[in-house]
Structures are given as structure tokens and as C-alpha cells.
Amino acid sequence: MRYDQGFVQPLNQFAPAVLAEILRRQPASKERTAFAWSVAVGPALARVTAVELRDGTLVVTARDPHWAKEIDRARATILDRVRHLLGETAVESIEVHS
């Protein structure tokens, strides 16, 4: 069997795509949102925050203002990652509280 560059996809690109597809197929729930958040921001930031999806707005509550500021600074990147995991129309914006 011959593997062309266009056919073989690197694992570091394949795994996130598969995970996103699996997540998008799951029914909306607090657990699905929390898991997508954890994947999008990493375990350290997920531990110091709580998230809830309300009418297309991802409401993030940080334990202290420092973490809220970091999330606010990375808002665009985080929004792209969460949209990739949950679907482009699932999250319209991120609201951050401390």
C-alpha cells in the first residue's frame, strides 16, 4: 500500500478532530460543556473555573481575578477551540466573572 502525503494525516491533527466529532454528536449537557472547556483550556485552568452554557453564551466563573484576566486575554483563542469542539453555532460568546 502506498501512502501519499495527502492521504496520511498526522496523529496530532487526527485525534482532536475525532474528539470534536464525538463531542458534537452528544446531547447538550453540563458535563459535555465542562469536558469541552477542560479540553479547550487545559486541566490547570479548568480546575480554577466553572462553566455554564446559557443561550449561546459560555459563562465562565474564575476563582480569582487573576484567572479571570487570563481567560479574558485569551478569549478569542478559547472561543475558537470551544466552537471547534461543540460546533460553530453552539457558543456565540464568552462571559467571564470572578
N, C-alpha and C. Protein backbone atom coordinates (compact mmCIF):
# COMPACT_ATOMS: atom_id res chain seq x y z
N MET A 1 0.83 -1.17 0.00
CA MET A 1 0.00 0.00 0.00
C MET A 1 0.89 1.25 0.00
N ARG A 2 0.51 2.21 -0.78
CA ARG A 2 1.28 3.45 -0.89
C ARG A 2 0.60 4.55 -0.08
N TYR A 3 1.37 5.30 0.69
CA TYR A 3 0.83 6.40 1.48
C TYR A 3 1.29 7.72 0.89
N ASP A 4 0.36 8.45 0.34
CA ASP A 4 0.67 9.78 -0.20
C ASP A 4 0.55 10.81 0.90
N GLN A 5 1.22 11.92 0.75
CA GLN A 5 1.16 13.00 1.75
C GLN A 5 -0.27 13.45 1.98
N GLY A 6 -1.09 13.49 0.96
CA GLY A 6 -2.47 13.93 1.09
C GLY A 6 -3.36 12.92 1.81
N PHE A 7 -2.94 11.69 1.88
CA PHE A 7 -3.75 10.63 2.47
C PHE A 7 -3.48 10.47 3.96
N VAL A 8 -2.23 10.52 4.34
CA VAL A 8 -1.85 10.28 5.73
C VAL A 8 -1.98 11.58 6.52
N GLN A 9 -2.72 11.49 7.62
CA GLN A 9 -2.90 12.65 8.47
C GLN A 9 -2.14 12.43 9.78
N PRO A 10 -1.34 13.40 10.21
CA PRO A 10 -0.60 13.23 11.47
C PRO A 10 -1.55 13.00 12.64
N LEU A 11 -1.12 12.18 13.58
CA LEU A 11 -1.95 11.85 14.73
C LEU A 11 -2.33 13.08 15.53
N ASN A 12 -1.41 14.05 15.65
CA ASN A 12 -1.72 15.25 16.44
C ASN A 12 -2.82 16.09 15.80
N GLN A 13 -3.16 15.87 14.54
CA GLN A 13 -4.28 16.54 13.89
C GLN A 13 -5.51 15.64 13.88
N PHE A 14 -5.30 14.35 13.81
CA PHE A 14 -6.40 13.39 13.70
C PHE A 14 -7.17 13.27 15.02
N ALA A 15 -6.47 13.11 16.12
CA ALA A 15 -7.12 12.88 17.42
C ALA A 15 -8.05 14.03 17.82
N PRO A 16 -7.64 15.30 17.73
CA PRO A 16 -8.57 16.38 18.08
C PRO A 16 -9.82 16.42 17.19
N ALA A 17 -9.65 16.10 15.93
CA ALA A 17 -10.79 16.10 15.01
C ALA A 17 -11.79 15.00 15.39
N VAL A 18 -11.28 13.84 15.76
CA VAL A 18 -12.16 12.74 16.17
C VAL A 18 -12.87 13.09 17.47
N LEU A 19 -12.12 13.63 18.43
CA LEU A 19 -12.71 14.03 19.70
C LEU A 19 -13.81 15.08 19.49
N ALA A 20 -13.56 16.05 18.65
CA ALA A 20 -14.55 17.09 18.38
C ALA A 20 -15.80 16.49 17.75
N GLU A 21 -15.63 15.57 16.83
CA GLU A 21 -16.79 14.93 16.18
C GLU A 21 -17.61 14.14 17.19
N ILE A 22 -16.96 13.45 18.07
CA ILE A 22 -17.67 12.69 19.11
C ILE A 22 -18.43 13.63 20.04
N LEU A 23 -17.79 14.71 20.45
CA LEU A 23 -18.45 15.68 21.35
C LEU A 23 -19.65 16.33 20.70
N ARG A 24 -19.53 16.71 19.44
CA ARG A 24 -20.64 17.37 18.75
C ARG A 24 -21.87 16.47 18.64
N ARG A 25 -21.66 15.17 18.60
CA ARG A 25 -22.79 14.24 18.47
C ARG A 25 -23.50 13.96 19.79
N GLN A 26 -22.90 14.37 20.89
CA GLN A 26 -23.51 14.14 22.20
C GLN A 26 -24.59 15.18 22.47
N PRO A 27 -25.62 14.80 23.22
CA PRO A 27 -26.64 15.80 23.56
C PRO A 27 -26.05 16.87 24.47
N ALA A 28 -26.56 18.07 24.35
CA ALA A 28 -26.09 19.17 25.18
C ALA A 28 -26.32 18.85 26.65
N SER A 29 -25.29 19.07 27.46
CA SER A 29 -25.39 18.83 28.90
C SER A 29 -24.30 19.62 29.61
N LYS A 30 -24.44 19.76 30.91
CA LYS A 30 -23.40 20.43 31.71
C LYS A 30 -22.08 19.69 31.61
N GLU A 31 -22.16 18.37 31.60
CA GLU A 31 -20.96 17.55 31.55
C GLU A 31 -20.22 17.70 30.22
N ARG A 32 -20.98 17.74 29.12
CA ARG A 32 -20.36 17.92 27.81
C ARG A 32 -19.67 19.28 27.73
N THR A 33 -20.34 20.31 28.24
CA THR A 33 -19.76 21.65 28.23
C THR A 33 -18.50 21.70 29.09
N ALA A 34 -18.54 21.11 30.27
CA ALA A 34 -17.39 21.11 31.18
C ALA A 34 -16.22 20.34 30.56
N PHE A 35 -16.50 19.23 29.90
CA PHE A 35 -15.44 18.46 29.27
C PHE A 35 -14.80 19.24 28.12
N ALA A 36 -15.64 19.86 27.27
CA ALA A 36 -15.12 20.66 26.17
C ALA A 36 -14.28 21.82 26.70
N TRP A 37 -14.72 22.44 27.78
CA TRP A 37 -13.96 23.53 28.40
C TRP A 37 -12.60 23.02 28.85
N SER A 38 -12.58 21.89 29.51
CA SER A 38 -11.33 21.31 30.01
C SER A 38 -10.36 21.01 28.87
N VAL A 39 -10.87 20.48 27.79
CA VAL A 39 -10.02 20.18 26.63
C VAL A 39 -9.52 21.48 26.01
N ALA A 40 -10.37 22.48 25.93
CA ALA A 40 -10.01 23.75 25.28
C ALA A 40 -8.97 24.54 26.06
N VAL A 41 -9.07 24.54 27.40
CA VAL A 41 -8.18 25.39 28.20
C VAL A 41 -7.11 24.63 28.96
N GLY A 42 -7.26 23.33 29.06
CA GLY A 42 -6.30 22.52 29.81
C GLY A 42 -6.76 22.29 31.24
N PRO A 43 -6.22 21.25 31.87
CA PRO A 43 -6.68 20.86 33.21
C PRO A 43 -6.41 21.89 34.30
N ALA A 44 -5.30 22.61 34.23
CA ALA A 44 -4.99 23.59 35.28
C ALA A 44 -6.02 24.71 35.32
N LEU A 45 -6.34 25.27 34.18
CA LEU A 45 -7.32 26.34 34.13
C LEU A 45 -8.73 25.82 34.39
N ALA A 46 -9.01 24.61 33.95
CA ALA A 46 -10.33 24.02 34.20
C ALA A 46 -10.58 23.83 35.69
N ARG A 47 -9.52 23.53 36.46
CA ARG A 47 -9.67 23.32 37.91
C ARG A 47 -10.04 24.61 38.66
N VAL A 48 -9.65 25.74 38.14
CA VAL A 48 -9.89 27.01 38.84
C VAL A 48 -11.06 27.79 38.25
N THR A 49 -11.87 27.12 37.44
CA THR A 49 -13.02 27.76 36.82
C THR A 49 -14.23 26.83 36.85
N ALA A 50 -15.38 27.43 36.68
CA ALA A 50 -16.62 26.69 36.48
C ALA A 50 -17.28 27.29 35.24
N VAL A 51 -17.94 26.46 34.44
CA VAL A 51 -18.56 26.94 33.21
C VAL A 51 -20.01 26.50 33.12
N GLU A 52 -20.77 27.32 32.41
CA GLU A 52 -22.17 27.00 32.14
C GLU A 52 -22.53 27.63 30.80
N LEU A 53 -23.23 26.90 29.97
CA LEU A 53 -23.65 27.40 28.67
C LEU A 53 -25.09 27.90 28.80
N ARG A 54 -25.27 29.21 28.60
CA ARG A 54 -26.60 29.83 28.71
C ARG A 54 -26.95 30.54 27.41
N ASP A 55 -27.88 29.99 26.67
CA ASP A 55 -28.37 30.61 25.43
C ASP A 55 -27.23 31.06 24.51
N GLY A 56 -26.26 30.21 24.30
CA GLY A 56 -25.17 30.51 23.39
C GLY A 56 -24.01 31.27 24.00
N THR A 57 -24.14 31.65 25.27
CA THR A 57 -23.05 32.34 25.96
C THR A 57 -22.42 31.38 26.95
N LEU A 58 -21.11 31.21 26.85
CA LEU A 58 -20.38 30.38 27.79
C LEU A 58 -20.00 31.27 28.97
N VAL A 59 -20.64 31.04 30.09
CA VAL A 59 -20.41 31.83 31.29
C VAL A 59 -19.32 31.13 32.11
N VAL A 60 -18.20 31.84 32.30
CA VAL A 60 -17.06 31.29 33.00
C VAL A 60 -16.90 32.04 34.32
N THR A 61 -16.84 31.28 35.40
CA THR A 61 -16.60 31.86 36.71
C THR A 61 -15.24 31.39 37.19
N ALA A 62 -14.33 32.36 37.39
CA ALA A 62 -12.97 32.05 37.83
C ALA A 62 -12.88 32.22 39.34
N ARG A 63 -12.00 31.44 39.97
CA ARG A 63 -11.83 31.51 41.43
C ARG A 63 -11.30 32.85 41.90
N ASP A 64 -10.46 33.49 41.08
CA ASP A 64 -9.95 34.80 41.48
C ASP A 64 -9.75 35.68 40.25
N PRO A 65 -9.61 36.98 40.46
CA PRO A 65 -9.49 37.92 39.34
C PRO A 65 -8.30 37.65 38.41
N HIS A 66 -7.23 37.10 38.95
CA HIS A 66 -6.07 36.78 38.11
C HIS A 66 -6.46 35.82 37.00
N TRP A 67 -7.16 34.76 37.34
CA TRP A 67 -7.57 33.78 36.33
C TRP A 67 -8.59 34.37 35.38
N ALA A 68 -9.48 35.20 35.89
CA ALA A 68 -10.46 35.85 35.02
C ALA A 68 -9.76 36.71 33.98
N LYS A 69 -8.72 37.43 34.39
CA LYS A 69 -7.96 38.27 33.48
C LYS A 69 -7.26 37.42 32.40
N GLU A 70 -6.71 36.27 32.80
CA GLU A 70 -6.05 35.39 31.83
C GLU A 70 -7.05 34.85 30.81
N ILE A 71 -8.22 34.48 31.27
CA ILE A 71 -9.24 33.96 30.36
C ILE A 71 -9.69 35.07 29.41
N ASP A 72 -9.88 36.27 29.96
CA ASP A 72 -10.30 37.40 29.14
C ASP A 72 -9.26 37.70 28.07
N ARG A 73 -8.00 37.62 28.43
CA ARG A 73 -6.90 37.87 27.49
C ARG A 73 -6.88 36.85 26.34
N ALA A 74 -7.22 35.61 26.65
CA ALA A 74 -7.18 34.54 25.65
C ALA A 74 -8.56 34.21 25.08
N ARG A 75 -9.52 35.10 25.30
CA ARG A 75 -10.92 34.86 24.93
C ARG A 75 -11.09 34.39 23.48
N ALA A 76 -10.47 35.04 22.52
CA ALA A 76 -10.65 34.69 21.10
C ALA A 76 -10.15 33.28 20.81
N THR A 77 -9.00 32.94 21.33
CA THR A 77 -8.43 31.61 21.12
C THR A 77 -9.30 30.55 21.78
N ILE A 78 -9.73 30.82 23.00
CA ILE A 78 -10.57 29.87 23.71
C ILE A 78 -11.90 29.68 22.99
N LEU A 79 -12.49 30.77 22.52
CA LEU A 79 -13.76 30.68 21.80
C LEU A 79 -13.61 29.82 20.55
N ASP A 80 -12.54 29.99 19.80
CA ASP A 80 -12.30 29.15 18.62
C ASP A 80 -12.20 27.68 18.99
N ARG A 81 -11.48 27.38 20.07
CA ARG A 81 -11.32 25.99 20.50
C ARG A 81 -12.64 25.37 20.95
N VAL A 82 -13.40 26.12 21.72
CA VAL A 82 -14.69 25.61 22.21
C VAL A 82 -15.65 25.40 21.05
N ARG A 83 -15.67 26.33 20.11
CA ARG A 83 -16.53 26.18 18.92
C ARG A 83 -16.12 24.95 18.11
N HIS A 84 -14.83 24.71 18.00
CA HIS A 84 -14.36 23.53 17.27
C HIS A 84 -14.88 22.26 17.94
N LEU A 85 -14.90 22.25 19.26
CA LEU A 85 -15.32 21.05 19.99
C LEU A 85 -16.83 20.88 20.05
N LEU A 86 -17.57 21.97 20.22
CA LEU A 86 -19.02 21.87 20.43
C LEU A 86 -19.84 22.18 19.18
N GLY A 87 -19.20 22.77 18.19
CA GLY A 87 -19.91 23.16 16.98
C GLY A 87 -19.88 24.68 16.83
N GLU A 88 -19.80 25.14 15.61
CA GLU A 88 -19.63 26.57 15.34
C GLU A 88 -20.77 27.42 15.89
N THR A 89 -21.97 26.89 15.96
CA THR A 89 -23.11 27.69 16.41
C THR A 89 -23.47 27.46 17.88
N ALA A 90 -22.78 26.58 18.55
CA ALA A 90 -23.13 26.26 19.94
C ALA A 90 -22.78 27.38 20.90
N VAL A 91 -21.66 28.05 20.66
CA VAL A 91 -21.20 29.11 21.56
C VAL A 91 -20.99 30.38 20.74
N GLU A 92 -21.71 31.42 21.10
CA GLU A 92 -21.59 32.71 20.40
C GLU A 92 -20.59 33.63 21.08
N SER A 93 -20.50 33.54 22.40
CA SER A 93 -19.61 34.44 23.14
C SER A 93 -19.21 33.82 24.46
N ILE A 94 -18.20 34.44 25.09
CA ILE A 94 -17.75 34.03 26.41
C ILE A 94 -17.88 35.21 27.35
N GLU A 95 -18.47 34.96 28.49
CA GLU A 95 -18.63 35.98 29.54
C GLU A 95 -17.83 35.51 30.75
N VAL A 96 -16.96 36.36 31.27
CA VAL A 96 -16.06 35.96 32.35
C VAL A 96 -16.40 36.72 33.63
N HIS A 97 -16.48 35.97 34.74
CA HIS A 97 -16.72 36.54 36.07
C HIS A 97 -15.67 35.99 37.04
N SER A 98 -15.44 36.72 38.11
CA SER A 98 -14.54 36.20 39.14
C SER A 98 -15.24 36.24 40.48
